[in-house]
Amino acid sequence: MKADLIAPAVAQYVYEHSTKPDALLQELSKETAEVAGGNFAMQISPDQGVFLTMITQMTAPDVVVEVGTFTGYSSLCIARGLSGGRLHCFDVSEEWTSIARRYWAKGGVADRVTLTLGPALETLAAFDQTIDLAFLDADKGNYPGYYELLIARMRPGGLLIADNTLRSGNVADPAHDERTTVEIREFNDLVIEDPRVTVLMLPVADGMTLIRKNP
């Protein structure tokens, strides 16, 4: 569980009082840890998974877009929350998403998911559907570009969720100039200054920002 932003005892309490991942999600997490090595940190945490499923259930979207699929934990959680809609995943890695495909099949949600491989700045530009819900968890330097493509295609009242927007809290320290932290800080400034949206940043895991397109 990613909980750098709150005290360990509070993090443990939150974990104990939140729905746990089921056997399939645990299996996916275990396999990802075994094959991904240091890249395992790219997987969302269990509490984020519950959050994504609940948000999907509550919003009942027809068209969902995920940018950055990795081995499929977040997409599996989103797909499980769908009630007739479809999830469109955009990623560049055949290696990691081949694992995702297996778990979509195991979870009985493969028929709800479309995967497009290639640079998302290009593939999203060709996407011509109106988006109800989006989850952004890809390379941070391109967040502004992904954001513009997603917001331009999002219906009024639609919701975009951006991950890793607190960078373990480092974005709040002006002296912290590591490249990815600077990129996220600039993205956060871009979003809060955008009159098209209403924004709420949540200290969940490594930071999740809810961005609602204004009517």
N, C-alpha and C. Protein backbone atom coordinates (compact mmCIF):
# COMPACT_ATOMS: atom_id res chain seq x y z
N MET A 1 0.85 -1.20 0.00
CA MET A 1 0.00 0.00 0.00
C MET A 1 0.88 1.24 0.00
N LYS A 2 0.61 2.16 -0.94
CA LYS A 2 1.37 3.39 -1.02
C LYS A 2 0.77 4.38 -0.03
N ALA A 3 1.52 4.70 1.01
CA ALA A 3 0.96 5.57 2.05
C ALA A 3 2.03 6.49 2.63
N ASP A 4 2.85 7.07 1.75
CA ASP A 4 3.93 7.93 2.22
C ASP A 4 3.41 9.24 2.80
N LEU A 5 2.17 9.58 2.51
CA LEU A 5 1.66 10.91 2.86
C LEU A 5 0.98 10.96 4.21
N ILE A 6 0.76 9.81 4.83
CA ILE A 6 0.12 9.79 6.14
C ILE A 6 0.92 8.92 7.09
N ALA A 7 0.70 9.10 8.39
CA ALA A 7 1.43 8.35 9.41
C ALA A 7 1.20 6.85 9.24
N PRO A 8 2.22 6.01 9.47
CA PRO A 8 2.08 4.57 9.29
C PRO A 8 0.90 3.96 10.04
N ALA A 9 0.67 4.41 11.27
CA ALA A 9 -0.44 3.85 12.04
C ALA A 9 -1.78 4.18 11.40
N VAL A 10 -1.89 5.40 10.88
CA VAL A 10 -3.12 5.80 10.20
C VAL A 10 -3.27 5.01 8.91
N ALA A 11 -2.18 4.85 8.19
CA ALA A 11 -2.22 4.07 6.95
C ALA A 11 -2.68 2.64 7.20
N GLN A 12 -2.19 2.03 8.26
CA GLN A 12 -2.59 0.67 8.60
C GLN A 12 -4.07 0.62 8.96
N TYR A 13 -4.53 1.62 9.69
CA TYR A 13 -5.94 1.68 10.09
C TYR A 13 -6.84 1.81 8.85
N VAL A 14 -6.43 2.68 7.94
CA VAL A 14 -7.18 2.86 6.69
C VAL A 14 -7.24 1.54 5.92
N TYR A 15 -6.11 0.84 5.84
CA TYR A 15 -6.05 -0.43 5.12
C TYR A 15 -6.99 -1.45 5.75
N GLU A 16 -6.99 -1.51 7.08
CA GLU A 16 -7.81 -2.48 7.78
C GLU A 16 -9.31 -2.20 7.66
N HIS A 17 -9.65 -0.96 7.34
CA HIS A 17 -11.05 -0.59 7.24
C HIS A 17 -11.47 -0.27 5.81
N SER A 18 -10.75 -0.82 4.86
CA SER A 18 -11.11 -0.70 3.45
C SER A 18 -11.22 -2.10 2.85
N THR A 19 -12.04 -2.24 1.83
CA THR A 19 -12.20 -3.53 1.17
C THR A 19 -10.88 -4.00 0.58
N LYS A 20 -10.55 -5.24 0.83
CA LYS A 20 -9.27 -5.81 0.36
C LYS A 20 -9.39 -6.34 -1.07
N PRO A 21 -8.28 -6.40 -1.77
CA PRO A 21 -8.31 -6.99 -3.11
C PRO A 21 -8.66 -8.47 -3.04
N ASP A 22 -9.41 -8.95 -4.01
CA ASP A 22 -9.78 -10.36 -4.02
C ASP A 22 -8.62 -11.21 -4.54
N ALA A 23 -8.86 -12.50 -4.67
CA ALA A 23 -7.79 -13.44 -5.02
C ALA A 23 -7.17 -13.12 -6.38
N LEU A 24 -7.98 -12.70 -7.35
CA LEU A 24 -7.45 -12.43 -8.68
C LEU A 24 -6.54 -11.21 -8.67
N LEU A 25 -6.95 -10.15 -7.99
CA LEU A 25 -6.10 -8.96 -7.90
C LEU A 25 -4.82 -9.25 -7.14
N GLN A 26 -4.92 -10.07 -6.11
CA GLN A 26 -3.71 -10.47 -5.37
C GLN A 26 -2.77 -11.27 -6.26
N GLU A 27 -3.33 -12.14 -7.08
CA GLU A 27 -2.52 -12.95 -8.00
C GLU A 27 -1.82 -12.05 -9.02
N LEU A 28 -2.54 -11.08 -9.56
CA LEU A 28 -1.96 -10.14 -10.51
C LEU A 28 -0.85 -9.32 -9.86
N SER A 29 -1.09 -8.86 -8.65
CA SER A 29 -0.09 -8.06 -7.95
C SER A 29 1.16 -8.88 -7.69
N LYS A 30 0.98 -10.13 -7.30
CA LYS A 30 2.12 -11.02 -7.02
C LYS A 30 2.93 -11.27 -8.29
N GLU A 31 2.26 -11.55 -9.39
CA GLU A 31 2.96 -11.79 -10.65
C GLU A 31 3.71 -10.53 -11.10
N THR A 32 3.06 -9.39 -10.97
CA THR A 32 3.71 -8.13 -11.36
C THR A 32 4.97 -7.89 -10.55
N ALA A 33 4.91 -8.14 -9.25
CA ALA A 33 6.08 -7.96 -8.39
C ALA A 33 7.21 -8.88 -8.82
N GLU A 34 6.86 -10.10 -9.25
CA GLU A 34 7.88 -11.08 -9.64
C GLU A 34 8.55 -10.74 -10.96
N VAL A 35 7.78 -10.21 -11.92
CA VAL A 35 8.33 -10.00 -13.26
C VAL A 35 8.79 -8.57 -13.52
N ALA A 36 8.26 -7.62 -12.76
CA ALA A 36 8.53 -6.22 -13.08
C ALA A 36 9.69 -5.62 -12.30
N GLY A 37 10.11 -6.27 -11.23
CA GLY A 37 11.22 -5.73 -10.45
C GLY A 37 10.92 -4.34 -9.93
N GLY A 38 11.84 -3.41 -10.18
CA GLY A 38 11.66 -2.04 -9.70
C GLY A 38 10.48 -1.33 -10.33
N ASN A 39 10.01 -1.84 -11.47
CA ASN A 39 8.85 -1.23 -12.12
C ASN A 39 7.55 -1.55 -11.40
N PHE A 40 7.59 -2.41 -10.39
CA PHE A 40 6.37 -2.76 -9.66
C PHE A 40 5.70 -1.52 -9.08
N ALA A 41 6.49 -0.50 -8.78
CA ALA A 41 5.94 0.73 -8.20
C ALA A 41 4.96 1.42 -9.15
N MET A 42 4.97 1.04 -10.43
CA MET A 42 4.04 1.64 -11.38
C MET A 42 2.62 1.12 -11.17
N GLN A 43 2.47 0.02 -10.46
CA GLN A 43 1.13 -0.51 -10.20
C GLN A 43 0.43 0.32 -9.14
N ILE A 44 -0.84 0.58 -9.32
CA ILE A 44 -1.59 1.31 -8.31
C ILE A 44 -1.73 0.46 -7.06
N SER A 45 -2.08 1.10 -5.95
CA SER A 45 -2.22 0.40 -4.68
C SER A 45 -3.64 -0.17 -4.54
N PRO A 46 -3.83 -1.13 -3.61
CA PRO A 46 -5.15 -1.74 -3.45
C PRO A 46 -6.26 -0.73 -3.16
N ASP A 47 -5.97 0.29 -2.34
CA ASP A 47 -7.02 1.26 -2.04
C ASP A 47 -7.40 2.08 -3.28
N GLN A 48 -6.43 2.34 -4.14
CA GLN A 48 -6.74 3.02 -5.39
C GLN A 48 -7.61 2.14 -6.28
N GLY A 49 -7.36 0.84 -6.25
CA GLY A 49 -8.18 -0.07 -7.04
C GLY A 49 -9.63 -0.04 -6.61
N VAL A 50 -9.86 -0.08 -5.30
CA VAL A 50 -11.23 0.01 -4.77
C VAL A 50 -11.86 1.34 -5.19
N PHE A 51 -11.08 2.40 -5.09
CA PHE A 51 -11.55 3.74 -5.46
C PHE A 51 -12.00 3.77 -6.92
N LEU A 52 -11.19 3.21 -7.82
CA LEU A 52 -11.52 3.24 -9.24
C LEU A 52 -12.77 2.43 -9.55
N THR A 53 -12.90 1.28 -8.90
CA THR A 53 -14.11 0.48 -9.11
C THR A 53 -15.35 1.24 -8.64
N MET A 54 -15.26 1.85 -7.46
CA MET A 54 -16.41 2.58 -6.91
C MET A 54 -16.77 3.79 -7.76
N ILE A 55 -15.78 4.56 -8.20
CA ILE A 55 -16.04 5.72 -9.04
C ILE A 55 -16.72 5.30 -10.34
N THR A 56 -16.25 4.20 -10.91
CA THR A 56 -16.85 3.70 -12.15
C THR A 56 -18.30 3.27 -11.91
N GLN A 57 -18.54 2.59 -10.81
CA GLN A 57 -19.90 2.17 -10.48
C GLN A 57 -20.81 3.38 -10.27
N MET A 58 -20.30 4.40 -9.60
CA MET A 58 -21.12 5.57 -9.28
C MET A 58 -21.42 6.45 -10.49
N THR A 59 -20.48 6.54 -11.42
CA THR A 59 -20.66 7.42 -12.58
C THR A 59 -21.33 6.71 -13.76
N ALA A 60 -21.32 5.37 -13.75
CA ALA A 60 -21.95 4.56 -14.81
C ALA A 60 -21.58 5.07 -16.21
N PRO A 61 -20.29 5.17 -16.53
CA PRO A 61 -19.88 5.73 -17.81
C PRO A 61 -20.12 4.79 -18.98
N ASP A 62 -20.32 5.38 -20.15
CA ASP A 62 -20.40 4.58 -21.38
C ASP A 62 -19.02 4.42 -22.00
N VAL A 63 -18.22 5.48 -21.95
CA VAL A 63 -16.88 5.45 -22.56
C VAL A 63 -15.85 5.85 -21.51
N VAL A 64 -14.93 4.93 -21.22
CA VAL A 64 -13.85 5.18 -20.27
C VAL A 64 -12.53 5.05 -21.01
N VAL A 65 -11.60 5.94 -20.70
CA VAL A 65 -10.26 5.88 -21.30
C VAL A 65 -9.23 5.77 -20.19
N GLU A 66 -8.28 4.86 -20.37
CA GLU A 66 -7.14 4.74 -19.47
C GLU A 66 -5.87 4.96 -20.28
N VAL A 67 -5.04 5.89 -19.82
CA VAL A 67 -3.75 6.12 -20.45
C VAL A 67 -2.68 5.61 -19.51
N GLY A 68 -2.04 4.51 -19.87
CA GLY A 68 -1.04 3.87 -19.02
C GLY A 68 -1.65 2.66 -18.34
N THR A 69 -1.50 1.49 -18.94
CA THR A 69 -2.18 0.28 -18.45
C THR A 69 -1.27 -0.63 -17.66
N PHE A 70 0.02 -0.66 -18.01
CA PHE A 70 1.00 -1.53 -17.34
C PHE A 70 0.50 -2.97 -17.36
N THR A 71 0.45 -3.67 -16.23
CA THR A 71 0.03 -5.08 -16.24
C THR A 71 -1.46 -5.26 -15.98
N GLY A 72 -2.20 -4.17 -15.85
CA GLY A 72 -3.65 -4.29 -15.88
C GLY A 72 -4.41 -4.17 -14.59
N TYR A 73 -3.76 -3.84 -13.46
CA TYR A 73 -4.49 -3.79 -12.19
C TYR A 73 -5.59 -2.72 -12.24
N SER A 74 -5.24 -1.52 -12.65
CA SER A 74 -6.23 -0.44 -12.66
C SER A 74 -7.33 -0.71 -13.69
N SER A 75 -6.96 -1.22 -14.85
CA SER A 75 -7.97 -1.49 -15.88
C SER A 75 -8.91 -2.60 -15.46
N LEU A 76 -8.41 -3.60 -14.76
CA LEU A 76 -9.27 -4.66 -14.24
C LEU A 76 -10.27 -4.09 -13.24
N CYS A 77 -9.79 -3.20 -12.38
CA CYS A 77 -10.69 -2.57 -11.39
C CYS A 77 -11.75 -1.71 -12.06
N ILE A 78 -11.35 -0.96 -13.07
CA ILE A 78 -12.31 -0.11 -13.78
C ILE A 78 -13.32 -0.98 -14.53
N ALA A 79 -12.83 -1.97 -15.26
CA ALA A 79 -13.72 -2.82 -16.07
C ALA A 79 -14.75 -3.53 -15.20
N ARG A 80 -14.34 -3.92 -14.01
CA ARG A 80 -15.28 -4.58 -13.10
C ARG A 80 -16.41 -3.64 -12.68
N GLY A 81 -16.16 -2.34 -12.69
CA GLY A 81 -17.17 -1.38 -12.26
C GLY A 81 -18.13 -0.98 -13.37
N LEU A 82 -17.86 -1.40 -14.60
CA LEU A 82 -18.71 -1.01 -15.72
C LEU A 82 -20.05 -1.74 -15.69
N SER A 83 -21.08 -1.03 -16.15
CA SER A 83 -22.41 -1.64 -16.25
C SER A 83 -22.96 -1.40 -17.64
N GLY A 84 -22.21 -1.83 -18.63
CA GLY A 84 -22.63 -1.68 -20.01
C GLY A 84 -21.72 -0.81 -20.85
N GLY A 85 -20.81 -0.07 -20.21
CA GLY A 85 -19.88 0.78 -20.95
C GLY A 85 -18.67 0.01 -21.44
N ARG A 86 -17.70 0.75 -21.98
CA ARG A 86 -16.49 0.13 -22.52
C ARG A 86 -15.27 0.92 -22.08
N LEU A 87 -14.21 0.19 -21.79
CA LEU A 87 -12.93 0.77 -21.40
C LEU A 87 -11.96 0.70 -22.56
N HIS A 88 -11.37 1.84 -22.89
CA HIS A 88 -10.37 1.92 -23.96
C HIS A 88 -9.02 2.21 -23.32
N CYS A 89 -8.10 1.26 -23.42
CA CYS A 89 -6.77 1.36 -22.81
C CYS A 89 -5.74 1.75 -23.86
N PHE A 90 -4.87 2.69 -23.49
CA PHE A 90 -3.80 3.14 -24.37
C PHE A 90 -2.46 2.94 -23.67
N ASP A 91 -1.56 2.22 -24.32
CA ASP A 91 -0.24 1.92 -23.73
C ASP A 91 0.74 1.67 -24.86
N VAL A 92 2.03 1.66 -24.52
CA VAL A 92 3.06 1.43 -25.54
C VAL A 92 3.69 0.05 -25.44
N SER A 93 3.44 -0.69 -24.35
CA SER A 93 4.18 -1.92 -24.09
C SER A 93 3.36 -3.17 -24.37
N GLU A 94 3.79 -3.93 -25.36
CA GLU A 94 3.18 -5.24 -25.62
C GLU A 94 3.52 -6.21 -24.49
N GLU A 95 4.73 -6.08 -23.94
CA GLU A 95 5.17 -6.98 -22.87
C GLU A 95 4.28 -6.88 -21.64
N TRP A 96 4.11 -5.66 -21.12
CA TRP A 96 3.32 -5.52 -19.89
C TRP A 96 1.84 -5.75 -20.14
N THR A 97 1.32 -5.25 -21.26
CA THR A 97 -0.12 -5.40 -21.49
C THR A 97 -0.51 -6.82 -21.86
N SER A 98 0.46 -7.67 -22.24
CA SER A 98 0.12 -9.08 -22.46
C SER A 98 -0.31 -9.73 -21.14
N ILE A 99 0.26 -9.27 -20.04
CA ILE A 99 -0.17 -9.74 -18.72
C ILE A 99 -1.58 -9.22 -18.44
N ALA A 100 -1.80 -7.97 -18.74
CA ALA A 100 -3.14 -7.38 -18.54
C ALA A 100 -4.20 -8.17 -19.30
N ARG A 101 -3.90 -8.53 -20.54
CA ARG A 101 -4.87 -9.29 -21.35
C ARG A 101 -5.26 -10.60 -20.67
N ARG A 102 -4.28 -11.28 -20.12
CA ARG A 102 -4.55 -12.56 -19.45
C ARG A 102 -5.49 -12.37 -18.27
N TYR A 103 -5.26 -11.30 -17.51
CA TYR A 103 -6.08 -11.09 -16.31
C TYR A 103 -7.46 -10.52 -16.65
N TRP A 104 -7.57 -9.79 -17.76
CA TRP A 104 -8.91 -9.40 -18.20
C TRP A 104 -9.72 -10.65 -18.53
N ALA A 105 -9.05 -11.61 -19.18
CA ALA A 105 -9.75 -12.85 -19.53
C ALA A 105 -10.10 -13.64 -18.26
N LYS A 106 -9.15 -13.76 -17.34
CA LYS A 106 -9.41 -14.48 -16.09
C LYS A 106 -10.55 -13.83 -15.31
N GLY A 107 -10.63 -12.51 -15.37
CA GLY A 107 -11.65 -11.78 -14.62
C GLY A 107 -12.98 -11.68 -15.34
N GLY A 108 -13.06 -12.23 -16.55
CA GLY A 108 -14.30 -12.21 -17.29
C GLY A 108 -14.70 -10.83 -17.81
N VAL A 109 -13.72 -9.95 -18.02
CA VAL A 109 -14.03 -8.59 -18.47
C VAL A 109 -13.38 -8.25 -19.81
N ALA A 110 -12.77 -9.23 -20.47
CA ALA A 110 -12.05 -8.95 -21.71
C ALA A 110 -12.96 -8.36 -22.78
N ASP A 111 -14.24 -8.71 -22.74
CA ASP A 111 -15.18 -8.19 -23.73
C ASP A 111 -15.56 -6.74 -23.49
N ARG A 112 -15.10 -6.18 -22.38
CA ARG A 112 -15.40 -4.78 -22.06
C ARG A 112 -14.23 -3.85 -22.35
N VAL A 113 -13.10 -4.42 -22.81
CA VAL A 113 -11.86 -3.65 -22.92
C VAL A 113 -11.32 -3.66 -24.34
N THR A 114 -10.92 -2.50 -24.83
CA THR A 114 -10.21 -2.38 -26.10
C THR A 114 -8.83 -1.80 -25.79
N LEU A 115 -7.79 -2.49 -26.26
CA LEU A 115 -6.41 -2.05 -26.04
C LEU A 115 -5.84 -1.51 -27.33
N THR A 116 -5.27 -0.32 -27.27
CA THR A 116 -4.57 0.28 -28.41
C THR A 116 -3.12 0.50 -28.03
N LEU A 117 -2.21 -0.09 -28.80
CA LEU A 117 -0.78 0.05 -28.54
C LEU A 117 -0.18 1.13 -29.44
N GLY A 118 0.74 1.89 -28.84
CA GLY A 118 1.41 2.95 -29.58
C GLY A 118 1.52 4.19 -28.72
N PRO A 119 2.28 5.18 -29.16
CA PRO A 119 2.41 6.43 -28.40
C PRO A 119 1.03 7.07 -28.23
N ALA A 120 0.62 7.29 -27.00
CA ALA A 120 -0.74 7.76 -26.74
C ALA A 120 -1.00 9.16 -27.26
N LEU A 121 0.02 9.99 -27.38
CA LEU A 121 -0.20 11.31 -27.96
C LEU A 121 -0.69 11.20 -29.40
N GLU A 122 -0.33 10.10 -30.07
CA GLU A 122 -0.78 9.87 -31.44
C GLU A 122 -2.10 9.11 -31.47
N THR A 123 -2.19 8.04 -30.68
CA THR A 123 -3.39 7.21 -30.74
C THR A 123 -4.61 7.91 -30.14
N LEU A 124 -4.39 8.70 -29.08
CA LEU A 124 -5.50 9.46 -28.50
C LEU A 124 -5.99 10.53 -29.47
N ALA A 125 -5.09 11.10 -30.24
CA ALA A 125 -5.47 12.13 -31.20
C ALA A 125 -6.43 11.57 -32.25
N ALA A 126 -6.37 10.26 -32.48
CA ALA A 126 -7.25 9.62 -33.46
C ALA A 126 -8.53 9.08 -32.83
N PHE A 127 -8.65 9.20 -31.51
CA PHE A 127 -9.83 8.68 -30.80
C PHE A 127 -10.98 9.66 -30.97
N ASP A 128 -12.11 9.20 -31.50
CA ASP A 128 -13.18 10.12 -31.86
C ASP A 128 -14.46 9.93 -31.07
N GLN A 129 -14.37 9.32 -29.88
CA GLN A 129 -15.55 9.14 -29.05
C GLN A 129 -15.57 10.16 -27.90
N THR A 130 -16.76 10.45 -27.41
CA THR A 130 -16.90 11.35 -26.27
C THR A 130 -16.64 10.58 -24.98
N ILE A 131 -15.74 11.09 -24.16
CA ILE A 131 -15.28 10.38 -22.96
C ILE A 131 -16.10 10.81 -21.75
N ASP A 132 -16.52 9.83 -20.96
CA ASP A 132 -17.24 10.09 -19.71
C ASP A 132 -16.31 10.08 -18.50
N LEU A 133 -15.34 9.17 -18.52
CA LEU A 133 -14.43 8.97 -17.40
C LEU A 133 -13.05 8.60 -17.94
N ALA A 134 -12.00 9.15 -17.32
CA ALA A 134 -10.64 8.83 -17.77
C ALA A 134 -9.73 8.68 -16.57
N PHE A 135 -8.73 7.78 -16.73
CA PHE A 135 -7.70 7.59 -15.71
C PHE A 135 -6.35 7.77 -16.38
N LEU A 136 -5.57 8.70 -15.87
CA LEU A 136 -4.26 9.04 -16.44
C LEU A 136 -3.16 8.59 -15.49
N ASP A 137 -2.33 7.65 -15.96
CA ASP A 137 -1.25 7.10 -15.13
C ASP A 137 -0.13 6.64 -16.05
N ALA A 138 0.44 7.57 -16.79
CA ALA A 138 1.47 7.24 -17.78
C ALA A 138 2.71 8.08 -17.52
N ASP A 139 3.56 8.23 -18.54
CA ASP A 139 4.80 9.00 -18.39
C ASP A 139 4.47 10.44 -18.05
N LYS A 140 5.08 10.93 -16.99
CA LYS A 140 4.67 12.20 -16.40
C LYS A 140 5.00 13.42 -17.27
N GLY A 141 6.06 13.34 -18.03
CA GLY A 141 6.44 14.47 -18.87
C GLY A 141 5.40 14.79 -19.93
N ASN A 142 4.59 13.78 -20.30
CA ASN A 142 3.56 13.99 -21.31
C ASN A 142 2.17 14.20 -20.72
N TYR A 143 2.08 14.32 -19.39
CA TYR A 143 0.77 14.56 -18.77
C TYR A 143 0.04 15.76 -19.40
N PRO A 144 0.70 16.91 -19.61
CA PRO A 144 -0.03 18.05 -20.20
C PRO A 144 -0.63 17.72 -21.56
N GLY A 145 0.11 17.00 -22.38
CA GLY A 145 -0.40 16.63 -23.71
C GLY A 145 -1.57 15.66 -23.61
N TYR A 146 -1.45 14.65 -22.75
CA TYR A 146 -2.55 13.71 -22.55
C TYR A 146 -3.78 14.45 -22.01
N TYR A 147 -3.53 15.35 -21.09
CA TYR A 147 -4.62 16.10 -20.46
C TYR A 147 -5.42 16.87 -21.51
N GLU A 148 -4.75 17.57 -22.39
CA GLU A 148 -5.43 18.35 -23.41
C GLU A 148 -6.25 17.45 -24.33
N LEU A 149 -5.69 16.33 -24.72
CA LEU A 149 -6.40 15.41 -25.60
C LEU A 149 -7.63 14.82 -24.91
N LEU A 150 -7.51 14.51 -23.63
CA LEU A 150 -8.62 13.92 -22.89
C LEU A 150 -9.72 14.95 -22.63
N ILE A 151 -9.35 16.13 -22.15
CA ILE A 151 -10.35 17.16 -21.83
C ILE A 151 -11.09 17.59 -23.10
N ALA A 152 -10.40 17.66 -24.21
CA ALA A 152 -11.04 18.07 -25.46
C ALA A 152 -12.11 17.08 -25.90
N ARG A 153 -11.96 15.82 -25.51
CA ARG A 153 -12.90 14.77 -25.91
C ARG A 153 -13.89 14.41 -24.81
N MET A 154 -13.79 15.06 -23.68
CA MET A 154 -14.62 14.71 -22.52
C MET A 154 -15.94 15.47 -22.55
N ARG A 155 -17.00 14.79 -22.19
CA ARG A 155 -18.31 15.45 -22.13
C ARG A 155 -18.34 16.43 -20.96
N PRO A 156 -19.16 17.46 -21.03
CA PRO A 156 -19.34 18.34 -19.87
C PRO A 156 -19.83 17.51 -18.67
N GLY A 157 -19.19 17.69 -17.54
CA GLY A 157 -19.51 16.89 -16.36
C GLY A 157 -18.70 15.62 -16.27
N GLY A 158 -17.90 15.33 -17.29
CA GLY A 158 -17.05 14.14 -17.27
C GLY A 158 -15.92 14.29 -16.26
N LEU A 159 -15.32 13.16 -15.88
CA LEU A 159 -14.31 13.14 -14.82
C LEU A 159 -13.00 12.53 -15.29
N LEU A 160 -11.92 13.24 -15.06
CA LEU A 160 -10.57 12.75 -15.32
C LEU A 160 -9.86 12.59 -13.99
N ILE A 161 -9.25 11.42 -13.78
CA ILE A 161 -8.49 11.13 -12.56
C ILE A 161 -7.02 11.01 -12.95
N ALA A 162 -6.18 11.84 -12.37
CA ALA A 162 -4.74 11.80 -12.65
C ALA A 162 -4.00 11.25 -11.44
N ASP A 163 -3.12 10.29 -11.68
CA ASP A 163 -2.39 9.63 -10.59
C ASP A 163 -1.01 10.25 -10.39
N ASN A 164 -0.46 10.01 -9.20
CA ASN A 164 0.91 10.41 -8.83
C ASN A 164 1.11 11.93 -8.79
N THR A 165 0.08 12.66 -8.42
CA THR A 165 0.15 14.12 -8.48
C THR A 165 0.77 14.76 -7.24
N LEU A 166 1.16 13.95 -6.26
CA LEU A 166 1.86 14.50 -5.09
C LEU A 166 3.31 14.04 -4.99
N ARG A 167 3.66 13.02 -5.73
CA ARG A 167 5.06 12.56 -5.75
C ARG A 167 5.63 12.43 -4.34
N SER A 168 4.95 11.64 -3.50
CA SER A 168 5.37 11.43 -2.12
C SER A 168 5.45 12.73 -1.33
N GLY A 169 4.71 13.74 -1.76
CA GLY A 169 4.71 15.03 -1.10
C GLY A 169 5.78 15.97 -1.60
N ASN A 170 6.65 15.51 -2.49
CA ASN A 170 7.78 16.32 -2.94
C ASN A 170 7.37 17.54 -3.75
N VAL A 171 6.17 17.52 -4.33
CA VAL A 171 5.74 18.68 -5.12
C VAL A 171 5.59 19.93 -4.24
N ALA A 172 5.39 19.73 -2.94
CA ALA A 172 5.19 20.87 -2.03
C ALA A 172 6.51 21.50 -1.59
N ASP A 173 7.63 20.90 -1.99
CA ASP A 173 8.94 21.41 -1.60
C ASP A 173 9.60 22.06 -2.82
N PRO A 174 9.64 23.39 -2.89
CA PRO A 174 10.21 24.07 -4.06
C PRO A 174 11.67 23.69 -4.32
N ALA A 175 12.36 23.26 -3.28
CA ALA A 175 13.78 22.91 -3.45
C ALA A 175 13.95 21.54 -4.09
N HIS A 176 12.89 20.75 -4.15
CA HIS A 176 12.98 19.41 -4.74
C HIS A 176 12.85 19.55 -6.25
N ASP A 177 13.98 19.38 -6.95
CA ASP A 177 14.00 19.66 -8.39
C ASP A 177 14.26 18.42 -9.24
N GLU A 178 13.98 17.24 -8.69
CA GLU A 178 14.05 16.02 -9.51
C GLU A 178 13.09 16.17 -10.69
N ARG A 179 13.50 15.70 -11.86
CA ARG A 179 12.79 16.00 -13.10
C ARG A 179 11.31 15.65 -13.05
N THR A 180 10.98 14.44 -12.63
CA THR A 180 9.58 14.03 -12.64
C THR A 180 8.75 14.86 -11.67
N THR A 181 9.33 15.20 -10.52
CA THR A 181 8.63 16.06 -9.57
C THR A 181 8.33 17.42 -10.18
N VAL A 182 9.30 17.98 -10.89
CA VAL A 182 9.09 19.27 -11.55
C VAL A 182 8.00 19.15 -12.61
N GLU A 183 7.99 18.05 -13.36
CA GLU A 183 6.98 17.85 -14.40
C GLU A 183 5.58 17.77 -13.79
N ILE A 184 5.45 17.04 -12.69
CA ILE A 184 4.15 16.92 -12.03
C ILE A 184 3.72 18.26 -11.43
N ARG A 185 4.67 18.98 -10.84
CA ARG A 185 4.35 20.29 -10.27
C ARG A 185 3.81 21.22 -11.36
N GLU A 186 4.44 21.19 -12.53
CA GLU A 186 3.99 22.02 -13.64
C GLU A 186 2.62 21.58 -14.14
N PHE A 187 2.38 20.27 -14.15
CA PHE A 187 1.06 19.76 -14.54
C PHE A 187 -0.01 20.21 -13.56
N ASN A 188 0.29 20.09 -12.28
CA ASN A 188 -0.68 20.53 -11.26
C ASN A 188 -1.03 22.01 -11.41
N ASP A 189 -0.02 22.83 -11.70
CA ASP A 189 -0.26 24.26 -11.91
C ASP A 189 -1.12 24.50 -13.15
N LEU A 190 -0.85 23.73 -14.20
CA LEU A 190 -1.63 23.84 -15.43
C LEU A 190 -3.11 23.56 -15.18
N VAL A 191 -3.37 22.49 -14.43
CA VAL A 191 -4.75 22.07 -14.19
C VAL A 191 -5.51 23.08 -13.33
N ILE A 192 -4.90 23.51 -12.24
CA ILE A 192 -5.62 24.40 -11.33
C ILE A 192 -5.89 25.76 -11.98
N GLU A 193 -5.13 26.12 -12.99
CA GLU A 193 -5.34 27.40 -13.67
C GLU A 193 -6.27 27.28 -14.88
N ASP A 194 -6.78 26.07 -15.15
CA ASP A 194 -7.63 25.84 -16.31
C ASP A 194 -9.09 26.16 -15.97
N PRO A 195 -9.69 27.18 -16.57
CA PRO A 195 -11.06 27.56 -16.23
C PRO A 195 -12.11 26.56 -16.70
N ARG A 196 -11.70 25.56 -17.48
CA ARG A 196 -12.65 24.57 -17.98
C ARG A 196 -13.02 23.52 -16.96
N VAL A 197 -12.27 23.47 -15.83
CA VAL A 197 -12.42 22.33 -14.92
C VAL A 197 -12.54 22.77 -13.46
N THR A 198 -13.08 21.85 -12.66
CA THR A 198 -13.08 21.96 -11.20
C THR A 198 -12.19 20.85 -10.68
N VAL A 199 -11.35 21.15 -9.69
CA VAL A 199 -10.27 20.25 -9.30
C VAL A 199 -10.30 19.94 -7.81
N LEU A 200 -10.08 18.68 -7.47
CA LEU A 200 -9.88 18.26 -6.08
C LEU A 200 -8.72 17.29 -6.02
N MET A 201 -7.68 17.66 -5.29
CA MET A 201 -6.52 16.78 -5.12
C MET A 201 -6.68 15.99 -3.83
N LEU A 202 -6.54 14.67 -3.92
CA LEU A 202 -6.71 13.79 -2.78
C LEU A 202 -5.37 13.18 -2.37
N PRO A 203 -5.08 13.15 -1.06
CA PRO A 203 -3.83 12.52 -0.58
C PRO A 203 -3.97 11.00 -0.47
N VAL A 204 -4.42 10.38 -1.54
CA VAL A 204 -4.56 8.93 -1.61
C VAL A 204 -3.34 8.37 -2.31
N ALA A 205 -2.71 7.37 -1.68
CA ALA A 205 -1.50 6.76 -2.25
C ALA A 205 -0.48 7.86 -2.56
N ASP A 206 -0.10 8.01 -3.84
CA ASP A 206 0.90 9.01 -4.22
C ASP A 206 0.24 10.29 -4.74
N GLY A 207 -1.04 10.45 -4.41
CA GLY A 207 -1.78 11.62 -4.85
C GLY A 207 -2.63 11.31 -6.07
N MET A 208 -3.94 11.54 -5.93
CA MET A 208 -4.87 11.38 -7.06
C MET A 208 -5.67 12.68 -7.18
N THR A 209 -5.69 13.23 -8.37
CA THR A 209 -6.42 14.47 -8.62
C THR A 209 -7.68 14.19 -9.42
N LEU A 210 -8.82 14.62 -8.88
CA LEU A 210 -10.10 14.52 -9.58
C LEU A 210 -10.31 15.82 -10.34
N ILE A 211 -10.53 15.70 -11.65
CA ILE A 211 -10.66 16.86 -12.52
C ILE A 211 -11.99 16.72 -13.28
N ARG A 212 -12.96 17.55 -12.92
CA ARG A 212 -14.28 17.49 -13.55
C ARG A 212 -14.40 18.58 -14.59
N LYS A 213 -14.78 18.20 -15.81
CA LYS A 213 -14.99 19.20 -16.85
C LYS A 213 -16.27 19.95 -16.57
N ASN A 214 -16.19 21.25 -16.49
CA ASN A 214 -17.35 22.05 -16.15
C ASN A 214 -18.42 21.98 -17.24
N PRO A 215 -19.69 22.02 -16.87
CA PRO A 215 -20.78 22.03 -17.86
C PRO A 215 -20.71 23.28 -18.74
